[in-house]
Amino acid sequence: MSSSLDITCPSPRVNFQSLGQFVGKRVTIVGSVVGVDGNTLQLKTSDDQVVNIQMQGAVPQCKVLEVQGMVASPNTVTEESCCPFGDNFDMANYNELCKLVNNPAYRTMFHP
């Protein structure tokens, strides 16, 4: 059985606090859509900050969105792919996951 999942270039899960550490790298970020201006989406992250997402395709019509993309600046991500998470997602639990994943004591467990 083959899979289309690409594990050769993992994307760390981040919140706003850790986003700046990954400028020029691919990340995965989840947030609530709070605004859209043309191809720029404003995403409220799990730690209650706003990130600009430069969308490459259509903006999904949902409340919560997972975006994978390249970090262009400490508050901007250029979208490569996105996945709607619907309207009911526990942002507090996701934020705790982001803190754990990016904690130096545990980072090697999540980032090879």
PDB file of N, CA and C in Angstrom:
ATOM      1  N   MET A   1       0.851  -1.170   0.000  1.00  0.00           N
ATOM      2  CA  MET A   1       0.000   0.000   0.000  1.00  0.00           C
ATOM      3  C   MET A   1       0.900   1.238   0.000  1.00  0.00           C
ATOM      4  N   SER A   2       0.693   2.139  -0.932  1.00  0.00           N
ATOM      5  CA  SER A   2       1.499   3.351  -0.980  1.00  0.00           C
ATOM      6  C   SER A   2       0.720   4.513  -0.373  1.00  0.00           C
ATOM      7  N   SER A   3       1.468   5.529   0.060  1.00  0.00           N
ATOM      8  CA  SER A   3       0.865   6.698   0.672  1.00  0.00           C
ATOM      9  C   SER A   3       1.407   7.945   0.006  1.00  0.00           C
ATOM     10  N   SER A   4       0.590   8.977  -0.091  1.00  0.00           N
ATOM     11  CA  SER A   4       1.059  10.231  -0.667  1.00  0.00           C
ATOM     12  C   SER A   4       1.599  11.170   0.407  1.00  0.00           C
ATOM     13  N   LEU A   5       1.652  10.735   1.654  1.00  0.00           N
ATOM     14  CA  LEU A   5       2.164  11.551   2.736  1.00  0.00           C
ATOM     15  C   LEU A   5       3.671  11.717   2.591  1.00  0.00           C
ATOM     16  N   ASP A   6       4.130  12.949   2.499  1.00  0.00           N
ATOM     17  CA  ASP A   6       5.547  13.249   2.348  1.00  0.00           C
ATOM     18  C   ASP A   6       6.165  13.478   3.723  1.00  0.00           C
ATOM     19  N   ILE A   7       7.006  12.558   4.163  1.00  0.00           N
ATOM     20  CA  ILE A   7       7.657  12.684   5.461  1.00  0.00           C
ATOM     21  C   ILE A   7       9.112  13.119   5.339  1.00  0.00           C
ATOM     22  N   THR A   8       9.538  13.469   4.128  1.00  0.00           N
ATOM     23  CA  THR A   8      10.936  13.857   3.924  1.00  0.00           C
ATOM     24  C   THR A   8      11.218  15.277   4.412  1.00  0.00           C
ATOM     25  N   CYS A   9      10.208  16.092   4.543  1.00  0.00           N
ATOM     26  CA  CYS A   9      10.391  17.475   4.983  1.00  0.00           C
ATOM     27  C   CYS A   9       9.312  17.812   6.007  1.00  0.00           C
ATOM     28  N   PRO A  10       9.521  17.418   7.272  1.00  0.00           N
ATOM     29  CA  PRO A  10       8.481  17.644   8.273  1.00  0.00           C
ATOM     30  C   PRO A  10       8.247  19.131   8.517  1.00  0.00           C
ATOM     31  N   SER A  11       7.021  19.456   8.862  1.00  0.00           N
ATOM     32  CA  SER A  11       6.637  20.836   9.165  1.00  0.00           C
ATOM     33  C   SER A  11       6.293  20.936  10.638  1.00  0.00           C
ATOM     34  N   PRO A  12       7.110  21.605  11.423  1.00  0.00           N
ATOM     35  CA  PRO A  12       6.795  21.718  12.849  1.00  0.00           C
ATOM     36  C   PRO A  12       5.483  22.451  13.079  1.00  0.00           C
ATOM     37  N   ARG A  13       4.769  22.022  14.091  1.00  0.00           N
ATOM     38  CA  ARG A  13       3.527  22.689  14.483  1.00  0.00           C
ATOM     39  C   ARG A  13       3.909  23.870  15.364  1.00  0.00           C
ATOM     40  N   VAL A  14       3.371  25.042  15.018  1.00  0.00           N
ATOM     41  CA  VAL A  14       3.751  26.250  15.739  1.00  0.00           C
ATOM     42  C   VAL A  14       2.533  27.063  16.131  1.00  0.00           C
ATOM     43  N   ASN A  15       2.733  27.923  17.117  1.00  0.00           N
ATOM     44  CA  ASN A  15       1.785  28.972  17.444  1.00  0.00           C
ATOM     45  C   ASN A  15       2.497  30.293  17.136  1.00  0.00           C
ATOM     46  N   PHE A  16       1.905  31.431  17.460  1.00  0.00           N
ATOM     47  CA  PHE A  16       2.532  32.713  17.139  1.00  0.00           C
ATOM     48  C   PHE A  16       3.875  32.862  17.854  1.00  0.00           C
ATOM     49  N   GLN A  17       3.922  32.450  19.117  1.00  0.00           N
ATOM     50  CA  GLN A  17       5.130  32.618  19.922  1.00  0.00           C
ATOM     51  C   GLN A  17       6.344  31.945  19.288  1.00  0.00           C
ATOM     52  N   SER A  18       6.173  30.786  18.687  1.00  0.00           N
ATOM     53  CA  SER A  18       7.306  30.057  18.109  1.00  0.00           C
ATOM     54  C   SER A  18       7.490  30.320  16.613  1.00  0.00           C
ATOM     55  N   LEU A  19       6.562  31.011  15.969  1.00  0.00           N
ATOM     56  CA  LEU A  19       6.614  31.223  14.521  1.00  0.00           C
ATOM     57  C   LEU A  19       7.895  31.918  14.072  1.00  0.00           C
ATOM     58  N   GLY A  20       8.336  32.933  14.791  1.00  0.00           N
ATOM     59  CA  GLY A  20       9.518  33.705  14.411  1.00  0.00           C
ATOM     60  C   GLY A  20      10.805  32.901  14.349  1.00  0.00           C
ATOM     61  N   GLN A  21      10.850  31.762  15.022  1.00  0.00           N
ATOM     62  CA  GLN A  21      12.038  30.897  15.004  1.00  0.00           C
ATOM     63  C   GLN A  21      12.185  30.155  13.683  1.00  0.00           C
ATOM     64  N   PHE A  22      11.169  30.205  12.844  1.00  0.00           N
ATOM     65  CA  PHE A  22      11.143  29.389  11.634  1.00  0.00           C
ATOM     66  C   PHE A  22      11.089  30.206  10.342  1.00  0.00           C
ATOM     67  N   VAL A  23      11.528  31.462  10.355  1.00  0.00           N
ATOM     68  CA  VAL A  23      11.518  32.281   9.145  1.00  0.00           C
ATOM     69  C   VAL A  23      12.335  31.569   8.061  1.00  0.00           C
ATOM     70  N   GLY A  24      11.745  31.433   6.881  1.00  0.00           N
ATOM     71  CA  GLY A  24      12.390  30.742   5.769  1.00  0.00           C
ATOM     72  C   GLY A  24      12.177  29.243   5.759  1.00  0.00           C
ATOM     73  N   LYS A  25      11.405  28.749   6.720  1.00  0.00           N
ATOM     74  CA  LYS A  25      11.155  27.305   6.818  1.00  0.00           C
ATOM     75  C   LYS A  25       9.663  27.019   6.733  1.00  0.00           C
ATOM     76  N   ARG A  26       9.346  25.770   6.466  1.00  0.00           N
ATOM     77  CA  ARG A  26       7.956  25.317   6.364  1.00  0.00           C
ATOM     78  C   ARG A  26       7.433  24.978   7.763  1.00  0.00           C
ATOM     79  N   VAL A  27       6.203  25.401   8.036  1.00  0.00           N
ATOM     80  CA  VAL A  27       5.555  25.116   9.318  1.00  0.00           C
ATOM     81  C   VAL A  27       4.109  24.711   9.089  1.00  0.00           C
ATOM     82  N   THR A  28       3.491  24.248  10.155  1.00  0.00           N
ATOM     83  CA  THR A  28       2.054  23.996  10.190  1.00  0.00           C
ATOM     84  C   THR A  28       1.492  24.831  11.330  1.00  0.00           C
ATOM     85  N   ILE A  29       0.451  25.603  11.020  1.00  0.00           N
ATOM     86  CA  ILE A  29      -0.161  26.468  12.024  1.00  0.00           C
ATOM     87  C   ILE A  29      -1.682  26.342  11.919  1.00  0.00           C
ATOM     88  N   VAL A  30      -2.338  26.396  13.068  1.00  0.00           N
ATOM     89  CA  VAL A  30      -3.793  26.289  13.117  1.00  0.00           C
ATOM     90  C   VAL A  30      -4.335  27.556  13.762  1.00  0.00           C
ATOM     91  N   GLY A  31      -5.449  28.037  13.232  1.00  0.00           N
ATOM     92  CA  GLY A  31      -6.062  29.211  13.832  1.00  0.00           C
ATOM     93  C   GLY A  31      -7.481  29.420  13.354  1.00  0.00           C
ATOM     94  N   SER A  32      -8.108  30.417  13.957  1.00  0.00           N
ATOM     95  CA  SER A  32      -9.469  30.812  13.595  1.00  0.00           C
ATOM     96  C   SER A  32      -9.396  31.964  12.604  1.00  0.00           C
ATOM     97  N   VAL A  33     -10.149  31.864  11.538  1.00  0.00           N
ATOM     98  CA  VAL A  33     -10.191  32.919  10.536  1.00  0.00           C
ATOM     99  C   VAL A  33     -10.903  34.130  11.135  1.00  0.00           C
ATOM    100  N   VAL A  34     -10.189  35.291  11.155  1.00  0.00           N
ATOM    101  CA  VAL A  34     -10.797  36.508  11.696  1.00  0.00           C
ATOM    102  C   VAL A  34     -10.979  37.582  10.629  1.00  0.00           C
ATOM    103  N   GLY A  35     -10.413  37.364   9.457  1.00  0.00           N
ATOM    104  CA  GLY A  35     -10.592  38.343   8.396  1.00  0.00           C
ATOM    105  C   GLY A  35      -9.947  37.896   7.107  1.00  0.00           C
ATOM    106  N   VAL A  36     -10.410  38.496   6.016  1.00  0.00           N
ATOM    107  CA  VAL A  36      -9.863  38.219   4.690  1.00  0.00           C
ATOM    108  C   VAL A  36      -9.777  39.548   3.952  1.00  0.00           C
ATOM    109  N   ASP A  37      -8.617  39.813   3.347  1.00  0.00           N
ATOM    110  CA  ASP A  37      -8.424  41.008   2.537  1.00  0.00           C
ATOM    111  C   ASP A  37      -7.743  40.581   1.248  1.00  0.00           C
ATOM    112  N   GLY A  38      -8.525  40.367   0.201  1.00  0.00           N
ATOM    113  CA  GLY A  38      -7.975  39.856  -1.056  1.00  0.00           C
ATOM    114  C   GLY A  38      -7.476  38.441  -0.856  1.00  0.00           C
ATOM    115  N   ASN A  39      -6.190  38.207  -1.115  1.00  0.00           N
ATOM    116  CA  ASN A  39      -5.591  36.882  -0.925  1.00  0.00           C
ATOM    117  C   ASN A  39      -4.902  36.735   0.427  1.00  0.00           C
ATOM    118  N   THR A  40      -5.081  37.718   1.300  1.00  0.00           N
ATOM    119  CA  THR A  40      -4.483  37.647   2.631  1.00  0.00           C
ATOM    120  C   THR A  40      -5.554  37.307   3.649  1.00  0.00           C
ATOM    121  N   LEU A  41      -5.281  36.254   4.404  1.00  0.00           N
ATOM    122  CA  LEU A  41      -6.201  35.773   5.430  1.00  0.00           C
ATOM    123  C   LEU A  41      -5.595  36.122   6.779  1.00  0.00           C
ATOM    124  N   GLN A  42      -6.383  36.637   7.695  1.00  0.00           N
ATOM    125  CA  GLN A  42      -5.920  36.876   9.062  1.00  0.00           C
ATOM    126  C   GLN A  42      -6.384  35.701   9.916  1.00  0.00           C
ATOM    127  N   LEU A  43      -5.405  35.067  10.544  1.00  0.00           N
ATOM    128  CA  LEU A  43      -5.661  33.855  11.319  1.00  0.00           C
ATOM    129  C   LEU A  43      -5.302  34.128  12.772  1.00  0.00           C
ATOM    130  N   LYS A  44      -6.262  33.967  13.678  1.00  0.00           N
ATOM    131  CA  LYS A  44      -5.998  34.107  15.109  1.00  0.00           C
ATOM    132  C   LYS A  44      -5.456  32.780  15.609  1.00  0.00           C
ATOM    133  N   THR A  45      -4.226  32.800  16.079  1.00  0.00           N
ATOM    134  CA  THR A  45      -3.532  31.573  16.461  1.00  0.00           C
ATOM    135  C   THR A  45      -4.011  31.053  17.816  1.00  0.00           C
ATOM    136  N   SER A  46      -3.537  29.879  18.162  1.00  0.00           N
ATOM    137  CA  SER A  46      -3.946  29.238  19.408  1.00  0.00           C
ATOM    138  C   SER A  46      -3.497  30.007  20.640  1.00  0.00           C
ATOM    139  N   ASP A  47      -2.492  30.919  20.486  1.00  0.00           N
ATOM    140  CA  ASP A  47      -2.073  31.758  21.606  1.00  0.00           C
ATOM    141  C   ASP A  47      -2.585  33.201  21.452  1.00  0.00           C
ATOM    142  N   ASP A  48      -3.707  33.341  20.743  1.00  0.00           N
ATOM    143  CA  ASP A  48      -4.475  34.590  20.638  1.00  0.00           C
ATOM    144  C   ASP A  48      -3.741  35.754  19.983  1.00  0.00           C
ATOM    145  N   GLN A  49      -2.929  35.457  18.988  1.00  0.00           N
ATOM    146  CA  GLN A  49      -2.266  36.491  18.193  1.00  0.00           C
ATOM    147  C   GLN A  49      -2.731  36.343  16.747  1.00  0.00           C
ATOM    148  N   VAL A  50      -2.511  37.350  15.930  1.00  0.00           N
ATOM    149  CA  VAL A  50      -2.971  37.303  14.542  1.00  0.00           C
ATOM    150  C   VAL A  50      -1.786  37.174  13.594  1.00  0.00           C
ATOM    151  N   VAL A  51      -1.892  36.203  12.693  1.00  0.00           N
ATOM    152  CA  VAL A  51      -0.884  35.939  11.664  1.00  0.00           C
ATOM    153  C   VAL A  51      -1.528  36.189  10.309  1.00  0.00           C
ATOM    154  N   ASN A  52      -0.766  36.784   9.399  1.00  0.00           N
ATOM    155  CA  ASN A  52      -1.235  36.969   8.028  1.00  0.00           C
ATOM    156  C   ASN A  52      -0.850  35.747   7.207  1.00  0.00           C
ATOM    157  N   ILE A  53      -1.802  35.198   6.495  1.00  0.00           N
ATOM    158  CA  ILE A  53      -1.563  34.051   5.626  1.00  0.00           C
ATOM    159  C   ILE A  53      -1.747  34.514   4.190  1.00  0.00           C
ATOM    160  N   GLN A  54      -0.689  34.437   3.407  1.00  0.00           N
ATOM    161  CA  GLN A  54      -0.767  34.768   1.986  1.00  0.00           C
ATOM    162  C   GLN A  54      -1.269  33.526   1.270  1.00  0.00           C
ATOM    163  N   MET A  55      -2.536  33.539   0.892  1.00  0.00           N
ATOM    164  CA  MET A  55      -3.159  32.375   0.282  1.00  0.00           C
ATOM    165  C   MET A  55      -2.769  32.264  -1.193  1.00  0.00           C
ATOM    166  N   GLN A  56      -2.467  31.056  -1.634  1.00  0.00           N
ATOM    167  CA  GLN A  56      -2.128  30.797  -3.025  1.00  0.00           C
ATOM    168  C   GLN A  56      -3.347  30.346  -3.816  1.00  0.00           C
ATOM    169  N   GLY A  57      -4.350  29.884  -3.103  1.00  0.00           N
ATOM    170  CA  GLY A  57      -5.579  29.408  -3.746  1.00  0.00           C
ATOM    171  C   GLY A  57      -6.785  30.066  -3.109  1.00  0.00           C
ATOM    172  N   ALA A  58      -7.920  29.453  -3.306  1.00  0.00           N
ATOM    173  CA  ALA A  58      -9.167  29.974  -2.751  1.00  0.00           C
ATOM    174  C   ALA A  58      -9.152  29.898  -1.221  1.00  0.00           C
ATOM    175  N   VAL A  59      -9.805  30.849  -0.612  1.00  0.00           N
ATOM    176  CA  VAL A  59      -9.903  30.878   0.844  1.00  0.00           C
ATOM    177  C   VAL A  59     -11.043  29.959   1.271  1.00  0.00           C
ATOM    178  N   PRO A  60     -10.746  28.930   2.079  1.00  0.00           N
ATOM    179  CA  PRO A  60     -11.793  28.006   2.522  1.00  0.00           C
ATOM    180  C   PRO A  60     -12.847  28.713   3.376  1.00  0.00           C
ATOM    181  N   GLN A  61     -14.067  28.254   3.286  1.00  0.00           N
ATOM    182  CA  GLN A  61     -15.166  28.818   4.053  1.00  0.00           C
ATOM    183  C   GLN A  61     -15.374  27.992   5.315  1.00  0.00           C
ATOM    184  N   CYS A  62     -14.561  28.246   6.318  1.00  0.00           N
ATOM    185  CA  CYS A  62     -14.710  27.569   7.605  1.00  0.00           C
ATOM    186  C   CYS A  62     -14.161  28.481   8.686  1.00  0.00           C
ATOM    187  N   LYS A  63     -14.408  28.138   9.921  1.00  0.00           N
ATOM    188  CA  LYS A  63     -13.950  28.964  11.035  1.00  0.00           C
ATOM    189  C   LYS A  63     -12.510  28.638  11.423  1.00  0.00           C
ATOM    190  N   VAL A  64     -12.147  27.356  11.483  1.00  0.00           N
ATOM    191  CA  VAL A  64     -10.813  26.943  11.914  1.00  0.00           C
ATOM    192  C   VAL A  64     -10.099  26.288  10.743  1.00  0.00           C
ATOM    193  N   LEU A  65      -8.823  26.655  10.587  1.00  0.00           N
ATOM    194  CA  LEU A  65      -8.061  26.225   9.421  1.00  0.00           C
ATOM    195  C   LEU A  65      -6.646  25.823   9.822  1.00  0.00           C
ATOM    196  N   GLU A  66      -6.175  24.719   9.256  1.00  0.00           N
ATOM    197  CA  GLU A  66      -4.767  24.335   9.397  1.00  0.00           C
ATOM    198  C   GLU A  66      -4.064  24.744   8.108  1.00  0.00           C
ATOM    199  N   VAL A  67      -2.963  25.481   8.248  1.00  0.00           N
ATOM    200  CA  VAL A  67      -2.209  25.948   7.094  1.00  0.00           C
ATOM    201  C   VAL A  67      -0.787  25.413   7.180  1.00  0.00           C
ATOM    202  N   GLN A  68      -0.311  24.883   6.066  1.00  0.00           N
ATOM    203  CA  GLN A  68       1.086  24.488   5.947  1.00  0.00           C
ATOM    204  C   GLN A  68       1.709  25.435   4.938  1.00  0.00           C
ATOM    205  N   GLY A  69       2.844  26.018   5.292  1.00  0.00           N
ATOM    206  CA  GLY A  69       3.473  26.950   4.374  1.00  0.00           C
ATOM    207  C   GLY A  69       4.820  27.431   4.873  1.00  0.00           C
ATOM    208  N   MET A  70       5.394  28.340   4.089  1.00  0.00           N
ATOM    209  CA  MET A  70       6.709  28.903   4.396  1.00  0.00           C
ATOM    210  C   MET A  70       6.535  30.183   5.207  1.00  0.00           C
ATOM    211  N   VAL A  71       7.357  30.323   6.242  1.00  0.00           N
ATOM    212  CA  VAL A  71       7.317  31.516   7.077  1.00  0.00           C
ATOM    213  C   VAL A  71       8.103  32.620   6.363  1.00  0.00           C
ATOM    214  N   ALA A  72       7.383  33.676   5.967  1.00  0.00           N
ATOM    215  CA  ALA A  72       8.004  34.786   5.244  1.00  0.00           C
ATOM    216  C   ALA A  72       8.557  35.839   6.209  1.00  0.00           C
ATOM    217  N   SER A  73       7.908  35.990   7.349  1.00  0.00           N
ATOM    218  CA  SER A  73       8.348  36.931   8.386  1.00  0.00           C
ATOM    219  C   SER A  73       7.766  36.443   9.706  1.00  0.00           C
ATOM    220  N   PRO A  74       8.141  37.064  10.819  1.00  0.00           N
ATOM    221  CA  PRO A  74       7.621  36.585  12.106  1.00  0.00           C
ATOM    222  C   PRO A  74       6.105  36.603  12.246  1.00  0.00           C
ATOM    223  N   ASN A  75       5.379  37.274  11.326  1.00  0.00           N
ATOM    224  CA  ASN A  75       3.923  37.257  11.427  1.00  0.00           C
ATOM    225  C   ASN A  75       3.240  36.963  10.088  1.00  0.00           C
ATOM    226  N   THR A  76       3.980  36.390   9.131  1.00  0.00           N
ATOM    227  CA  THR A  76       3.403  36.081   7.821  1.00  0.00           C
ATOM    228  C   THR A  76       3.831  34.704   7.344  1.00  0.00           C
ATOM    229  N   VAL A  77       2.853  33.927   6.866  1.00  0.00           N
ATOM    230  CA  VAL A  77       3.105  32.600   6.295  1.00  0.00           C
ATOM    231  C   VAL A  77       2.540  32.588   4.876  1.00  0.00           C
ATOM    232  N   THR A  78       3.326  32.061   3.936  1.00  0.00           N
ATOM    233  CA  THR A  78       2.843  31.877   2.574  1.00  0.00           C
ATOM    234  C   THR A  78       2.312  30.461   2.463  1.00  0.00           C
ATOM    235  N   GLU A  79       1.015  30.341   2.252  1.00  0.00           N
ATOM    236  CA  GLU A  79       0.324  29.050   2.241  1.00  0.00           C
ATOM    237  C   GLU A  79       0.775  28.171   1.075  1.00  0.00           C
ATOM    238  N   GLU A  80       1.021  26.913   1.384  1.00  0.00           N
ATOM    239  CA  GLU A  80       1.280  25.886   0.368  1.00  0.00           C
ATOM    240  C   GLU A  80       0.117  24.919   0.290  1.00  0.00           C
ATOM    241  N   SER A  81      -0.495  24.650   1.445  1.00  0.00           N
ATOM    242  CA  SER A  81      -1.687  23.811   1.488  1.00  0.00           C
ATOM    243  C   SER A  81      -2.472  24.178   2.740  1.00  0.00           C
ATOM    244  N   CYS A  82      -3.753  23.877   2.708  1.00  0.00           N
ATOM    245  CA  CYS A  82      -4.567  24.139   3.897  1.00  0.00           C
ATOM    246  C   CYS A  82      -5.642  23.073   4.019  1.00  0.00           C
ATOM    247  N   CYS A  83      -6.112  22.934   5.241  1.00  0.00           N
ATOM    248  CA  CYS A  83      -7.127  21.932   5.534  1.00  0.00           C
ATOM    249  C   CYS A  83      -8.145  22.547   6.497  1.00  0.00           C
ATOM    250  N   PRO A  84      -9.396  22.595   6.097  1.00  0.00           N
ATOM    251  CA  PRO A  84     -10.412  23.123   7.013  1.00  0.00           C
ATOM    252  C   PRO A  84     -10.615  22.173   8.195  1.00  0.00           C
ATOM    253  N   PHE A  85     -10.667  22.734   9.383  1.00  0.00           N
ATOM    254  CA  PHE A  85     -10.907  21.957  10.599  1.00  0.00           C
ATOM    255  C   PHE A  85     -12.324  22.153  11.109  1.00  0.00           C
ATOM    256  N   GLY A  86     -13.179  22.775  10.322  1.00  0.00           N
ATOM    257  CA  GLY A  86     -14.569  22.958  10.722  1.00  0.00           C
ATOM    258  C   GLY A  86     -14.751  24.152  11.633  1.00  0.00           C
ATOM    259  N   ASP A  87     -15.749  24.073  12.473  1.00  0.00           N
ATOM    260  CA  ASP A  87     -16.090  25.199  13.342  1.00  0.00           C
ATOM    261  C   ASP A  87     -15.916  24.893  14.822  1.00  0.00           C
ATOM    262  N   ASN A  88     -15.498  23.681  15.161  1.00  0.00           N
ATOM    263  CA  ASN A  88     -15.392  23.286  16.557  1.00  0.00           C
ATOM    264  C   ASN A  88     -14.044  22.608  16.776  1.00  0.00           C
ATOM    265  N   PHE A  89     -13.071  23.377  17.274  1.00  0.00           N
ATOM    266  CA  PHE A  89     -11.714  22.865  17.478  1.00  0.00           C
ATOM    267  C   PHE A  89     -11.192  23.437  18.788  1.00  0.00           C
ATOM    268  N   ASP A  90     -10.544  22.605  19.599  1.00  0.00           N
ATOM    269  CA  ASP A  90     -10.049  23.037  20.904  1.00  0.00           C
ATOM    270  C   ASP A  90      -8.687  23.714  20.758  1.00  0.00           C
ATOM    271  N   MET A  91      -8.698  25.044  20.636  1.00  0.00           N
ATOM    272  CA  MET A  91      -7.464  25.802  20.453  1.00  0.00           C
ATOM    273  C   MET A  91      -6.553  25.753  21.685  1.00  0.00           C
ATOM    274  N   ALA A  92      -7.123  25.665  22.868  1.00  0.00           N
ATOM    275  CA  ALA A  92      -6.307  25.613  24.084  1.00  0.00           C
ATOM    276  C   ALA A  92      -5.461  24.345  24.109  1.00  0.00           C
ATOM    277  N   ASN A  93      -6.051  23.207  23.752  1.00  0.00           N
ATOM    278  CA  ASN A  93      -5.273  21.963  23.701  1.00  0.00           C
ATOM    279  C   ASN A  93      -4.209  22.024  22.619  1.00  0.00           C
ATOM    280  N   TYR A  94      -4.547  22.604  21.458  1.00  0.00           N
ATOM    281  CA  TYR A  94      -3.568  22.730  20.384  1.00  0.00           C
ATOM    282  C   TYR A  94      -2.411  23.625  20.821  1.00  0.00           C
ATOM    283  N   ASN A  95      -2.701  24.682  21.564  1.00  0.00           N
ATOM    284  CA  ASN A  95      -1.646  25.561  22.040  1.00  0.00           C
ATOM    285  C   ASN A  95      -0.701  24.831  22.992  1.00  0.00           C
ATOM    286  N   GLU A  96      -1.260  23.995  23.851  1.00  0.00           N
ATOM    287  CA  GLU A  96      -0.414  23.200  24.754  1.00  0.00           C
ATOM    288  C   GLU A  96       0.480  22.248  23.955  1.00  0.00           C
ATOM    289  N   LEU A  97      -0.061  21.655  22.895  1.00  0.00           N
ATOM    290  CA  LEU A  97       0.729  20.793  22.028  1.00  0.00           C
ATOM    291  C   LEU A  97       1.886  21.581  21.413  1.00  0.00           C
ATOM    292  N   CYS A  98       1.611  22.781  20.911  1.00  0.00           N
ATOM    293  CA  CYS A  98       2.657  23.605  20.303  1.00  0.00           C
ATOM    294  C   CYS A  98       3.768  23.926  21.295  1.00  0.00           C
ATOM    295  N   LYS A  99       3.382  24.231  22.539  1.00  0.00           N
ATOM    296  CA  LYS A  99       4.390  24.525  23.556  1.00  0.00           C
ATOM    297  C   LYS A  99       5.247  23.301  23.849  1.00  0.00           C
ATOM    298  N   LEU A 100       4.627  22.153  23.914  1.00  0.00           N
ATOM    299  CA  LEU A 100       5.358  20.912  24.178  1.00  0.00           C
ATOM    300  C   LEU A 100       6.290  20.559  23.018  1.00  0.00           C
ATOM    301  N   VAL A 101       5.782  20.614  21.798  1.00  0.00           N
ATOM    302  CA  VAL A 101       6.552  20.256  20.608  1.00  0.00           C
ATOM    303  C   VAL A 101       7.781  21.145  20.455  1.00  0.00           C
ATOM    304  N   ASN A 102       7.674  22.411  20.836  1.00  0.00           N
ATOM    305  CA  ASN A 102       8.763  23.356  20.648  1.00  0.00           C
ATOM    306  C   ASN A 102       9.607  23.580  21.900  1.00  0.00           C
ATOM    307  N   ASN A 103       9.336  22.826  22.946  1.00  0.00           N
ATOM    308  CA  ASN A 103      10.138  22.886  24.163  1.00  0.00           C
ATOM    309  C   ASN A 103      11.456  22.161  23.908  1.00  0.00           C
ATOM    310  N   PRO A 104      12.603  22.814  24.152  1.00  0.00           N
ATOM    311  CA  PRO A 104      13.895  22.158  23.890  1.00  0.00           C
ATOM    312  C   PRO A 104      14.057  20.802  24.572  1.00  0.00           C
ATOM    313  N   ALA A 105      13.425  20.602  25.705  1.00  0.00           N
ATOM    314  CA  ALA A 105      13.545  19.332  26.436  1.00  0.00           C
ATOM    315  C   ALA A 105      12.894  18.179  25.680  1.00  0.00           C
ATOM    316  N   TYR A 106      11.913  18.482  24.820  1.00  0.00           N
ATOM    317  CA  TYR A 106      11.169  17.427  24.116  1.00  0.00           C
ATOM    318  C   TYR A 106      11.280  17.515  22.605  1.00  0.00           C
ATOM    319  N   ARG A 107      11.935  18.537  22.089  1.00  0.00           N
ATOM    320  CA  ARG A 107      11.951  18.805  20.657  1.00  0.00           C
ATOM    321  C   ARG A 107      12.399  17.606  19.830  1.00  0.00           C
ATOM    322  N   THR A 108      13.382  16.849  20.281  1.00  0.00           N
ATOM    323  CA  THR A 108      13.875  15.719  19.474  1.00  0.00           C
ATOM    324  C   THR A 108      12.834  14.614  19.321  1.00  0.00           C
ATOM    325  N   MET A 109      11.869  14.575  20.193  1.00  0.00           N
ATOM    326  CA  MET A 109      10.801  13.585  20.056  1.00  0.00           C
ATOM    327  C   MET A 109       9.889  13.913  18.870  1.00  0.00           C
ATOM    328  N   PHE A 110       9.798  15.204  18.530  1.00  0.00           N
ATOM    329  CA  PHE A 110       8.876  15.642  17.494  1.00  0.00           C
ATOM    330  C   PHE A 110       9.562  16.105  16.210  1.00  0.00           C
ATOM    331  N   HIS A 111      10.805  16.583  16.315  1.00  0.00           N
ATOM    332  CA  HIS A 111      11.549  17.084  15.162  1.00  0.00           C
ATOM    333  C   HIS A 111      12.825  16.267  15.018  1.00  0.00           C
ATOM    334  N   PRO A 112      12.827  15.338  14.081  1.00  0.00           N
ATOM    335  CA  PRO A 112      14.017  14.495  13.926  1.00  0.00           C
ATOM    336  C   PRO A 112      15.237  15.282  13.504  1.00  0.00           C
TER     337      PRO A 112
END
